[in-house]
Amino acid sequence: IVVSDEIYEHINYVGGHASMAQFDDMFNRTVTVNG
């Protein structure tokens, strides 16, 4: 199982934030954490 902590998602100076869960073969085994 993957835990992807994306709490700093918007504080990004290069653009193009990526999430592990965006891949169809990883979605059902990834927990996306944010706040």
PDB file of all heavy atoms in Angstrom:
ATOM      1  N   ILE A   1       0.857  -1.193   0.000  1.00  0.00           N
ATOM      2  CA  ILE A   1       0.000   0.000   0.000  1.00  0.00           C
ATOM      3  C   ILE A   1       0.895   1.246   0.000  1.00  0.00           C
ATOM      4  O   ILE A   1       1.928   1.287   0.678  1.00  0.00           O
ATOM      5  CB  ILE A   1      -0.909   0.002   1.243  1.00  0.00           C
ATOM      6  CG1 ILE A   1      -1.804  -1.237   1.250  1.00  0.00           C
ATOM      7  CG2 ILE A   1      -1.745   1.281   1.313  1.00  0.00           C
ATOM      8  CD1 ILE A   1      -2.461  -1.500   2.590  1.00  0.00           C
ATOM      9  N   VAL A   2       0.485   2.257  -0.746  1.00  0.00           N
ATOM     10  CA  VAL A   2       1.241   3.513  -0.826  1.00  0.00           C
ATOM     11  C   VAL A   2       0.489   4.605  -0.075  1.00  0.00           C
ATOM     12  O   VAL A   2      -0.726   4.764  -0.256  1.00  0.00           O
ATOM     13  CB  VAL A   2       1.450   3.942  -2.287  1.00  0.00           C
ATOM     14  CG1 VAL A   2       2.168   5.296  -2.358  1.00  0.00           C
ATOM     15  CG2 VAL A   2       2.246   2.891  -3.054  1.00  0.00           C
ATOM     16  N   VAL A   3       1.197   5.355   0.758  1.00  0.00           N
ATOM     17  CA  VAL A   3       0.646   6.548   1.392  1.00  0.00           C
ATOM     18  C   VAL A   3       1.349   7.760   0.784  1.00  0.00           C
ATOM     19  O   VAL A   3       2.565   7.916   0.928  1.00  0.00           O
ATOM     20  CB  VAL A   3       0.833   6.526   2.924  1.00  0.00           C
ATOM     21  CG1 VAL A   3       0.432   7.867   3.530  1.00  0.00           C
ATOM     22  CG2 VAL A   3       0.008   5.404   3.545  1.00  0.00           C
ATOM     23  N   SER A   4       0.579   8.578   0.094  1.00  0.00           N
ATOM     24  CA  SER A   4       1.106   9.760  -0.577  1.00  0.00           C
ATOM     25  C   SER A   4       0.645  11.003   0.176  1.00  0.00           C
ATOM     26  O   SER A   4      -0.531  11.374   0.136  1.00  0.00           O
ATOM     27  CB  SER A   4       0.610   9.805  -2.029  1.00  0.00           C
ATOM     28  OG  SER A   4       1.016  10.995  -2.674  1.00  0.00           O
ATOM     29  N   ASP A   5       1.571  11.633   0.882  1.00  0.00           N
ATOM     30  CA  ASP A   5       1.284  12.813   1.700  1.00  0.00           C
ATOM     31  C   ASP A   5       1.463  14.049   0.821  1.00  0.00           C
ATOM     32  O   ASP A   5       2.581  14.385   0.437  1.00  0.00           O
ATOM     33  CB  ASP A   5       2.245  12.833   2.893  1.00  0.00           C
ATOM     34  CG  ASP A   5       2.016  14.013   3.824  1.00  0.00           C
ATOM     35  OD1 ASP A   5       1.247  14.923   3.487  1.00  0.00           O
ATOM     36  OD2 ASP A   5       2.647  14.022   4.912  1.00  0.00           O
ATOM     37  N   GLU A   6       0.355  14.735   0.525  1.00  0.00           N
ATOM     38  CA  GLU A   6       0.382  15.844  -0.434  1.00  0.00           C
ATOM     39  C   GLU A   6      -0.032  17.165   0.204  1.00  0.00           C
ATOM     40  O   GLU A   6      -0.591  18.043  -0.439  1.00  0.00           O
ATOM     41  CB  GLU A   6      -0.498  15.488  -1.640  1.00  0.00           C
ATOM     42  CG  GLU A   6      -0.045  14.188  -2.298  1.00  0.00           C
ATOM     43  CD  GLU A   6      -0.853  13.774  -3.524  1.00  0.00           C
ATOM     44  OE1 GLU A   6      -1.596  14.619  -4.071  1.00  0.00           O
ATOM     45  OE2 GLU A   6      -0.727  12.603  -3.935  1.00  0.00           O
ATOM     46  N   ILE A   7       0.277  17.314   1.502  1.00  0.00           N
ATOM     47  CA  ILE A   7      -0.156  18.490   2.251  1.00  0.00           C
ATOM     48  C   ILE A   7       0.438  19.787   1.693  1.00  0.00           C
ATOM     49  O   ILE A   7      -0.150  20.856   1.833  1.00  0.00           O
ATOM     50  CB  ILE A   7       0.201  18.322   3.750  1.00  0.00           C
ATOM     51  CG1 ILE A   7      -0.458  19.407   4.615  1.00  0.00           C
ATOM     52  CG2 ILE A   7       1.701  18.332   3.959  1.00  0.00           C
ATOM     53  CD1 ILE A   7      -1.920  19.225   4.816  1.00  0.00           C
ATOM     54  N   TYR A   8       1.601  19.708   1.018  1.00  0.00           N
ATOM     55  CA  TYR A   8       2.233  20.908   0.457  1.00  0.00           C
ATOM     56  C   TYR A   8       1.934  21.068  -1.041  1.00  0.00           C
ATOM     57  O   TYR A   8       2.602  21.835  -1.731  1.00  0.00           O
ATOM     58  CB  TYR A   8       3.753  20.853   0.664  1.00  0.00           C
ATOM     59  CG  TYR A   8       4.154  20.995   2.107  1.00  0.00           C
ATOM     60  CD1 TYR A   8       4.338  19.873   2.910  1.00  0.00           C
ATOM     61  CD2 TYR A   8       4.345  22.246   2.686  1.00  0.00           C
ATOM     62  CE1 TYR A   8       4.697  19.992   4.239  1.00  0.00           C
ATOM     63  CE2 TYR A   8       4.705  22.379   4.011  1.00  0.00           C
ATOM     64  CZ  TYR A   8       4.875  21.246   4.792  1.00  0.00           C
ATOM     65  OH  TYR A   8       5.221  21.380   6.110  1.00  0.00           O
ATOM     66  N   GLU A   9       0.946  20.356  -1.524  1.00  0.00           N
ATOM     67  CA  GLU A   9       0.635  20.291  -2.950  1.00  0.00           C
ATOM     68  C   GLU A   9       0.675  21.648  -3.656  1.00  0.00           C
ATOM     69  O   GLU A   9       1.275  21.796  -4.732  1.00  0.00           O
ATOM     70  CB  GLU A   9      -0.759  19.678  -3.123  1.00  0.00           C
ATOM     71  CG  GLU A   9      -1.336  19.783  -4.508  1.00  0.00           C
ATOM     72  CD  GLU A   9      -2.811  19.421  -4.554  1.00  0.00           C
ATOM     73  OE1 GLU A   9      -3.417  19.243  -3.469  1.00  0.00           O
ATOM     74  OE2 GLU A   9      -3.345  19.331  -5.662  1.00  0.00           O
ATOM     75  N   HIS A  10       0.029  22.658  -3.087  1.00  0.00           N
ATOM     76  CA  HIS A  10      -0.107  23.946  -3.782  1.00  0.00           C
ATOM     77  C   HIS A  10       1.121  24.841  -3.637  1.00  0.00           C
ATOM     78  O   HIS A  10       1.239  25.835  -4.359  1.00  0.00           O
ATOM     79  CB  HIS A  10      -1.344  24.683  -3.279  1.00  0.00           C
ATOM     80  CG  HIS A  10      -2.630  23.995  -3.619  1.00  0.00           C
ATOM     81  ND1 HIS A  10      -2.953  23.603  -4.899  1.00  0.00           N
ATOM     82  CD2 HIS A  10      -3.682  23.606  -2.828  1.00  0.00           C
ATOM     83  CE1 HIS A  10      -4.141  23.030  -4.905  1.00  0.00           C
ATOM     84  NE2 HIS A  10      -4.592  23.002  -3.655  1.00  0.00           N
ATOM     85  N   ILE A  11       2.021  24.494  -2.713  1.00  0.00           N
ATOM     86  CA  ILE A  11       3.250  25.294  -2.564  1.00  0.00           C
ATOM     87  C   ILE A  11       4.297  24.645  -3.459  1.00  0.00           C
ATOM     88  O   ILE A  11       5.171  23.910  -3.023  1.00  0.00           O
ATOM     89  CB  ILE A  11       3.680  25.384  -1.089  1.00  0.00           C
ATOM     90  CG1 ILE A  11       2.513  25.868  -0.228  1.00  0.00           C
ATOM     91  CG2 ILE A  11       4.865  26.357  -0.945  1.00  0.00           C
ATOM     92  CD1 ILE A  11       2.807  25.890   1.256  1.00  0.00           C
ATOM     93  N   ASN A  12       4.154  24.932  -4.727  1.00  0.00           N
ATOM     94  CA  ASN A  12       4.884  24.246  -5.795  1.00  0.00           C
ATOM     95  C   ASN A  12       5.397  25.314  -6.758  1.00  0.00           C
ATOM     96  O   ASN A  12       4.605  26.099  -7.287  1.00  0.00           O
ATOM     97  CB  ASN A  12       3.918  23.278  -6.494  1.00  0.00           C
ATOM     98  CG  ASN A  12       4.539  22.488  -7.620  1.00  0.00           C
ATOM     99  OD1 ASN A  12       5.373  22.993  -8.365  1.00  0.00           O
ATOM    100  ND2 ASN A  12       4.103  21.252  -7.786  1.00  0.00           N
ATOM    101  N   TYR A  13       6.719  25.349  -6.958  1.00  0.00           N
ATOM    102  CA  TYR A  13       7.319  26.407  -7.766  1.00  0.00           C
ATOM    103  C   TYR A  13       7.625  25.968  -9.192  1.00  0.00           C
ATOM    104  O   TYR A  13       8.127  26.764  -9.995  1.00  0.00           O
ATOM    105  CB  TYR A  13       8.614  26.906  -7.099  1.00  0.00           C
ATOM    106  CG  TYR A  13       8.435  27.179  -5.623  1.00  0.00           C
ATOM    107  CD1 TYR A  13       9.215  26.539  -4.670  1.00  0.00           C
ATOM    108  CD2 TYR A  13       7.468  28.068  -5.179  1.00  0.00           C
ATOM    109  CE1 TYR A  13       9.035  26.772  -3.316  1.00  0.00           C
ATOM    110  CE2 TYR A  13       7.276  28.313  -3.826  1.00  0.00           C
ATOM    111  CZ  TYR A  13       8.071  27.663  -2.907  1.00  0.00           C
ATOM    112  OH  TYR A  13       7.888  27.903  -1.566  1.00  0.00           O
ATOM    113  N   VAL A  14       7.346  24.721  -9.516  1.00  0.00           N
ATOM    114  CA  VAL A  14       7.647  24.212 -10.862  1.00  0.00           C
ATOM    115  C   VAL A  14       6.394  23.769 -11.602  1.00  0.00           C
ATOM    116  O   VAL A  14       6.430  23.526 -12.802  1.00  0.00           O
ATOM    117  CB  VAL A  14       8.653  23.039 -10.800  1.00  0.00           C
ATOM    118  CG1 VAL A  14       9.994  23.530 -10.270  1.00  0.00           C
ATOM    119  CG2 VAL A  14       8.134  21.889  -9.951  1.00  0.00           C
ATOM    120  N   GLY A  15       5.262  23.658 -10.906  1.00  0.00           N
ATOM    121  CA  GLY A  15       4.015  23.260 -11.541  1.00  0.00           C
ATOM    122  C   GLY A  15       3.955  21.769 -11.790  1.00  0.00           C
ATOM    123  O   GLY A  15       4.913  21.037 -11.589  1.00  0.00           O
ATOM    124  N   GLY A  16       2.781  21.313 -12.202  1.00  0.00           N
ATOM    125  CA  GLY A  16       2.639  19.914 -12.575  1.00  0.00           C
ATOM    126  C   GLY A  16       2.657  18.948 -11.411  1.00  0.00           C
ATOM    127  O   GLY A  16       3.342  17.933 -11.467  1.00  0.00           O
ATOM    128  N   HIS A  17       1.884  19.239 -10.351  1.00  0.00           N
ATOM    129  CA  HIS A  17       1.831  18.306  -9.223  1.00  0.00           C
ATOM    130  C   HIS A  17       1.292  16.955  -9.679  1.00  0.00           C
ATOM    131  O   HIS A  17       0.310  16.876 -10.407  1.00  0.00           O
ATOM    132  CB  HIS A  17       0.941  18.859  -8.118  1.00  0.00           C
ATOM    133  CG  HIS A  17       0.758  17.906  -6.982  1.00  0.00           C
ATOM    134  ND1 HIS A  17       1.707  17.749  -5.998  1.00  0.00           N
ATOM    135  CD2 HIS A  17      -0.236  17.019  -6.692  1.00  0.00           C
ATOM    136  CE1 HIS A  17       1.290  16.838  -5.136  1.00  0.00           C
ATOM    137  NE2 HIS A  17       0.101  16.372  -5.536  1.00  0.00           N
ATOM    138  N   ALA A  18       1.949  15.904  -9.241  1.00  0.00           N
ATOM    139  CA  ALA A  18       1.561  14.545  -9.611  1.00  0.00           C
ATOM    140  C   ALA A  18       1.191  13.740  -8.370  1.00  0.00           C
ATOM    141  O   ALA A  18       1.810  13.893  -7.317  1.00  0.00           O
ATOM    142  CB  ALA A  18       2.696  13.848 -10.363  1.00  0.00           C
ATOM    143  N   SER A  19       0.167  12.884  -8.506  1.00  0.00           N
ATOM    144  CA  SER A  19      -0.276  12.011  -7.428  1.00  0.00           C
ATOM    145  C   SER A  19      -0.102  10.555  -7.846  1.00  0.00           C
ATOM    146  O   SER A  19      -0.410  10.201  -8.988  1.00  0.00           O
ATOM    147  CB  SER A  19      -1.755  12.262  -7.107  1.00  0.00           C
ATOM    148  OG  SER A  19      -1.986  13.598  -6.693  1.00  0.00           O
ATOM    149  N   MET A  20       0.356   9.726  -6.934  1.00  0.00           N
ATOM    150  CA  MET A  20       0.506   8.303  -7.247  1.00  0.00           C
ATOM    151  C   MET A  20      -0.833   7.681  -7.638  1.00  0.00           C
ATOM    152  O   MET A  20      -0.905   6.810  -8.512  1.00  0.00           O
ATOM    153  CB  MET A  20       1.112   7.571  -6.055  1.00  0.00           C
ATOM    154  CG  MET A  20       1.354   6.087  -6.285  1.00  0.00           C
ATOM    155  SD  MET A  20       2.631   5.744  -7.523  1.00  0.00           S
ATOM    156  CE  MET A  20       4.129   5.886  -6.510  1.00  0.00           C
ATOM    157  N   ALA A  21      -1.911   8.144  -7.020  1.00  0.00           N
ATOM    158  CA  ALA A  21      -3.224   7.556  -7.280  1.00  0.00           C
ATOM    159  C   ALA A  21      -3.762   7.871  -8.673  1.00  0.00           C
ATOM    160  O   ALA A  21      -4.774   7.301  -9.088  1.00  0.00           O
ATOM    161  CB  ALA A  21      -4.220   8.019  -6.220  1.00  0.00           C
ATOM    162  N   GLN A  22      -3.104   8.783  -9.391  1.00  0.00           N
ATOM    163  CA  GLN A  22      -3.588   9.135 -10.730  1.00  0.00           C
ATOM    164  C   GLN A  22      -3.378   7.989 -11.730  1.00  0.00           C
ATOM    165  O   GLN A  22      -4.002   7.980 -12.786  1.00  0.00           O
ATOM    166  CB  GLN A  22      -2.901  10.392 -11.259  1.00  0.00           C
ATOM    167  CG  GLN A  22      -1.446  10.211 -11.612  1.00  0.00           C
ATOM    168  CD  GLN A  22      -0.748  11.525 -11.923  1.00  0.00           C
ATOM    169  OE1 GLN A  22      -0.223  11.716 -12.997  1.00  0.00           O
ATOM    170  NE2 GLN A  22      -0.770  12.448 -10.984  1.00  0.00           N
ATOM    171  N   PHE A  23      -2.521   7.031 -11.383  1.00  0.00           N
ATOM    172  CA  PHE A  23      -2.303   5.884 -12.253  1.00  0.00           C
ATOM    173  C   PHE A  23      -3.374   4.833 -11.960  1.00  0.00           C
ATOM    174  O   PHE A  23      -3.571   4.433 -10.806  1.00  0.00           O
ATOM    175  CB  PHE A  23      -0.907   5.290 -12.031  1.00  0.00           C
ATOM    176  CG  PHE A  23       0.211   6.282 -12.212  1.00  0.00           C
ATOM    177  CD1 PHE A  23       1.101   6.542 -11.177  1.00  0.00           C
ATOM    178  CD2 PHE A  23       0.379   6.959 -13.411  1.00  0.00           C
ATOM    179  CE1 PHE A  23       2.129   7.457 -11.327  1.00  0.00           C
ATOM    180  CE2 PHE A  23       1.402   7.873 -13.579  1.00  0.00           C
ATOM    181  CZ  PHE A  23       2.283   8.127 -12.540  1.00  0.00           C
ATOM    182  N   ASP A  24      -4.057   4.386 -12.993  1.00  0.00           N
ATOM    183  CA  ASP A  24      -5.155   3.433 -12.810  1.00  0.00           C
ATOM    184  C   ASP A  24      -4.718   2.181 -12.056  1.00  0.00           C
ATOM    185  O   ASP A  24      -5.478   1.634 -11.248  1.00  0.00           O
ATOM    186  CB  ASP A  24      -5.731   3.038 -14.175  1.00  0.00           C
ATOM    187  CG  ASP A  24      -6.499   4.176 -14.834  1.00  0.00           C
ATOM    188  OD1 ASP A  24      -6.872   5.128 -14.124  1.00  0.00           O
ATOM    189  OD2 ASP A  24      -6.705   4.111 -16.064  1.00  0.00           O
ATOM    190  N   ASP A  25      -3.475   1.739 -12.307  1.00  0.00           N
ATOM    191  CA  ASP A  25      -3.012   0.505 -11.665  1.00  0.00           C
ATOM    192  C   ASP A  25      -2.513   0.728 -10.235  1.00  0.00           C
ATOM    193  O   ASP A  25      -2.089  -0.209  -9.567  1.00  0.00           O
ATOM    194  CB  ASP A  25      -1.931  -0.178 -12.505  1.00  0.00           C
ATOM    195  CG  ASP A  25      -0.764   0.755 -12.849  1.00  0.00           C
ATOM    196  OD1 ASP A  25      -0.741   1.893 -12.349  1.00  0.00           O
ATOM    197  OD2 ASP A  25       0.113   0.343 -13.641  1.00  0.00           O
ATOM    198  N   MET A  26      -2.570   1.978  -9.752  1.00  0.00           N
ATOM    199  CA  MET A  26      -2.168   2.278  -8.371  1.00  0.00           C
ATOM    200  C   MET A  26      -3.308   2.848  -7.534  1.00  0.00           C
ATOM    201  O   MET A  26      -3.210   2.931  -6.309  1.00  0.00           O
ATOM    202  CB  MET A  26      -0.996   3.278  -8.362  1.00  0.00           C
ATOM    203  CG  MET A  26       0.301   2.743  -8.940  1.00  0.00           C
ATOM    204  SD  MET A  26       0.924   1.277  -8.069  1.00  0.00           S
ATOM    205  CE  MET A  26       1.185   1.920  -6.427  1.00  0.00           C
ATOM    206  N   PHE A  27      -4.403   3.234  -8.176  1.00  0.00           N
ATOM    207  CA  PHE A  27      -5.485   3.936  -7.474  1.00  0.00           C
ATOM    208  C   PHE A  27      -6.028   3.131  -6.303  1.00  0.00           C
ATOM    209  O   PHE A  27      -6.235   3.663  -5.204  1.00  0.00           O
ATOM    210  CB  PHE A  27      -6.613   4.265  -8.459  1.00  0.00           C
ATOM    211  CG  PHE A  27      -7.757   5.016  -7.842  1.00  0.00           C
ATOM    212  CD1 PHE A  27      -7.666   6.384  -7.605  1.00  0.00           C
ATOM    213  CD2 PHE A  27      -8.925   4.352  -7.474  1.00  0.00           C
ATOM    214  CE1 PHE A  27      -8.718   7.083  -7.024  1.00  0.00           C
ATOM    215  CE2 PHE A  27      -9.989   5.039  -6.895  1.00  0.00           C
ATOM    216  CZ  PHE A  27      -9.881   6.410  -6.675  1.00  0.00           C
ATOM    217  N   ASN A  28      -6.264   1.853  -6.508  1.00  0.00           N
ATOM    218  CA  ASN A  28      -6.897   1.028  -5.474  1.00  0.00           C
ATOM    219  C   ASN A  28      -5.946   0.542  -4.391  1.00  0.00           C
ATOM    220  O   ASN A  28      -6.328  -0.284  -3.546  1.00  0.00           O
ATOM    221  CB  ASN A  28      -7.598  -0.172  -6.121  1.00  0.00           C
ATOM    222  CG  ASN A  28      -8.866   0.227  -6.835  1.00  0.00           C
ATOM    223  OD1 ASN A  28      -9.560   1.150  -6.407  1.00  0.00           O
ATOM    224  ND2 ASN A  28      -9.176  -0.441  -7.932  1.00  0.00           N
ATOM    225  N   ARG A  29      -4.727   1.046  -4.390  1.00  0.00           N
ATOM    226  CA  ARG A  29      -3.777   0.673  -3.334  1.00  0.00           C
ATOM    227  C   ARG A  29      -3.034   1.905  -2.815  1.00  0.00           C
ATOM    228  O   ARG A  29      -2.010   1.778  -2.144  1.00  0.00           O
ATOM    229  CB  ARG A  29      -2.786  -0.374  -3.853  1.00  0.00           C
ATOM    230  CG  ARG A  29      -2.081   0.067  -5.132  1.00  0.00           C
ATOM    231  CD  ARG A  29      -1.383  -1.082  -5.801  1.00  0.00           C
ATOM    232  NE  ARG A  29      -0.204  -1.485  -5.070  1.00  0.00           N
ATOM    233  CZ  ARG A  29       0.830  -2.119  -5.632  1.00  0.00           C
ATOM    234  NH1 ARG A  29       0.808  -2.420  -6.926  1.00  0.00           N
ATOM    235  NH2 ARG A  29       1.868  -2.460  -4.918  1.00  0.00           N
ATOM    236  N   THR A  30      -3.560   3.098  -3.104  1.00  0.00           N
ATOM    237  CA  THR A  30      -2.927   4.341  -2.671  1.00  0.00           C
ATOM    238  C   THR A  30      -3.865   5.126  -1.774  1.00  0.00           C
ATOM    239  O   THR A  30      -5.050   5.282  -2.073  1.00  0.00           O
ATOM    240  CB  THR A  30      -2.550   5.215  -3.885  1.00  0.00           C
ATOM    241  OG1 THR A  30      -1.613   4.499  -4.702  1.00  0.00           O
ATOM    242  CG2 THR A  30      -1.916   6.523  -3.436  1.00  0.00           C
ATOM    243  N   VAL A  31      -3.317   5.625  -0.669  1.00  0.00           N
ATOM    244  CA  VAL A  31      -4.032   6.542   0.215  1.00  0.00           C
ATOM    245  C   VAL A  31      -3.452   7.937  -0.014  1.00  0.00           C
ATOM    246  O   VAL A  31      -2.255   8.156   0.190  1.00  0.00           O
ATOM    247  CB  VAL A  31      -3.875   6.149   1.693  1.00  0.00           C
ATOM    248  CG1 VAL A  31      -4.615   7.141   2.591  1.00  0.00           C
ATOM    249  CG2 VAL A  31      -4.365   4.733   1.930  1.00  0.00           C
ATOM    250  N   THR A  32      -4.290   8.854  -0.462  1.00  0.00           N
ATOM    251  CA  THR A  32      -3.852  10.231  -0.698  1.00  0.00           C
ATOM    252  C   THR A  32      -4.231  11.064   0.510  1.00  0.00           C
ATOM    253  O   THR A  32      -5.413  11.172   0.864  1.00  0.00           O
ATOM    254  CB  THR A  32      -4.505  10.808  -1.967  1.00  0.00           C
ATOM    255  OG1 THR A  32      -4.245   9.939  -3.070  1.00  0.00           O
ATOM    256  CG2 THR A  32      -3.947  12.185  -2.275  1.00  0.00           C
ATOM    257  N   VAL A  33      -3.222  11.642   1.158  1.00  0.00           N
ATOM    258  CA  VAL A  33      -3.422  12.429   2.380  1.00  0.00           C
ATOM    259  C   VAL A  33      -3.227  13.908   2.049  1.00  0.00           C
ATOM    260  O   VAL A  33      -2.267  14.283   1.367  1.00  0.00           O
ATOM    261  CB  VAL A  33      -2.419  12.012   3.479  1.00  0.00           C
ATOM    262  CG1 VAL A  33      -2.635  12.828   4.751  1.00  0.00           C
ATOM    263  CG2 VAL A  33      -2.536  10.524   3.773  1.00  0.00           C
ATOM    264  N   ASN A  34      -4.150  14.740   2.528  1.00  0.00           N
ATOM    265  CA  ASN A  34      -4.022  16.170   2.277  1.00  0.00           C
ATOM    266  C   ASN A  34      -4.692  16.934   3.411  1.00  0.00           C
ATOM    267  O   ASN A  34      -5.160  16.343   4.381  1.00  0.00           O
ATOM    268  CB  ASN A  34      -4.627  16.530   0.906  1.00  0.00           C
ATOM    269  CG  ASN A  34      -3.904  17.691   0.234  1.00  0.00           C
ATOM    270  OD1 ASN A  34      -3.518  18.657   0.887  1.00  0.00           O
ATOM    271  ND2 ASN A  34      -3.728  17.593  -1.074  1.00  0.00           N
ATOM    272  N   GLY A  35      -4.718  18.248   3.299  1.00  0.00           N
ATOM    273  CA  GLY A  35      -5.301  19.097   4.327  1.00  0.00           C
ATOM    274  C   GLY A  35      -5.144  20.546   3.936  1.00  0.00           C
ATOM    275  O   GLY A  35      -4.693  20.868   2.837  1.00  0.00           O
TER     276      GLY A  35
END
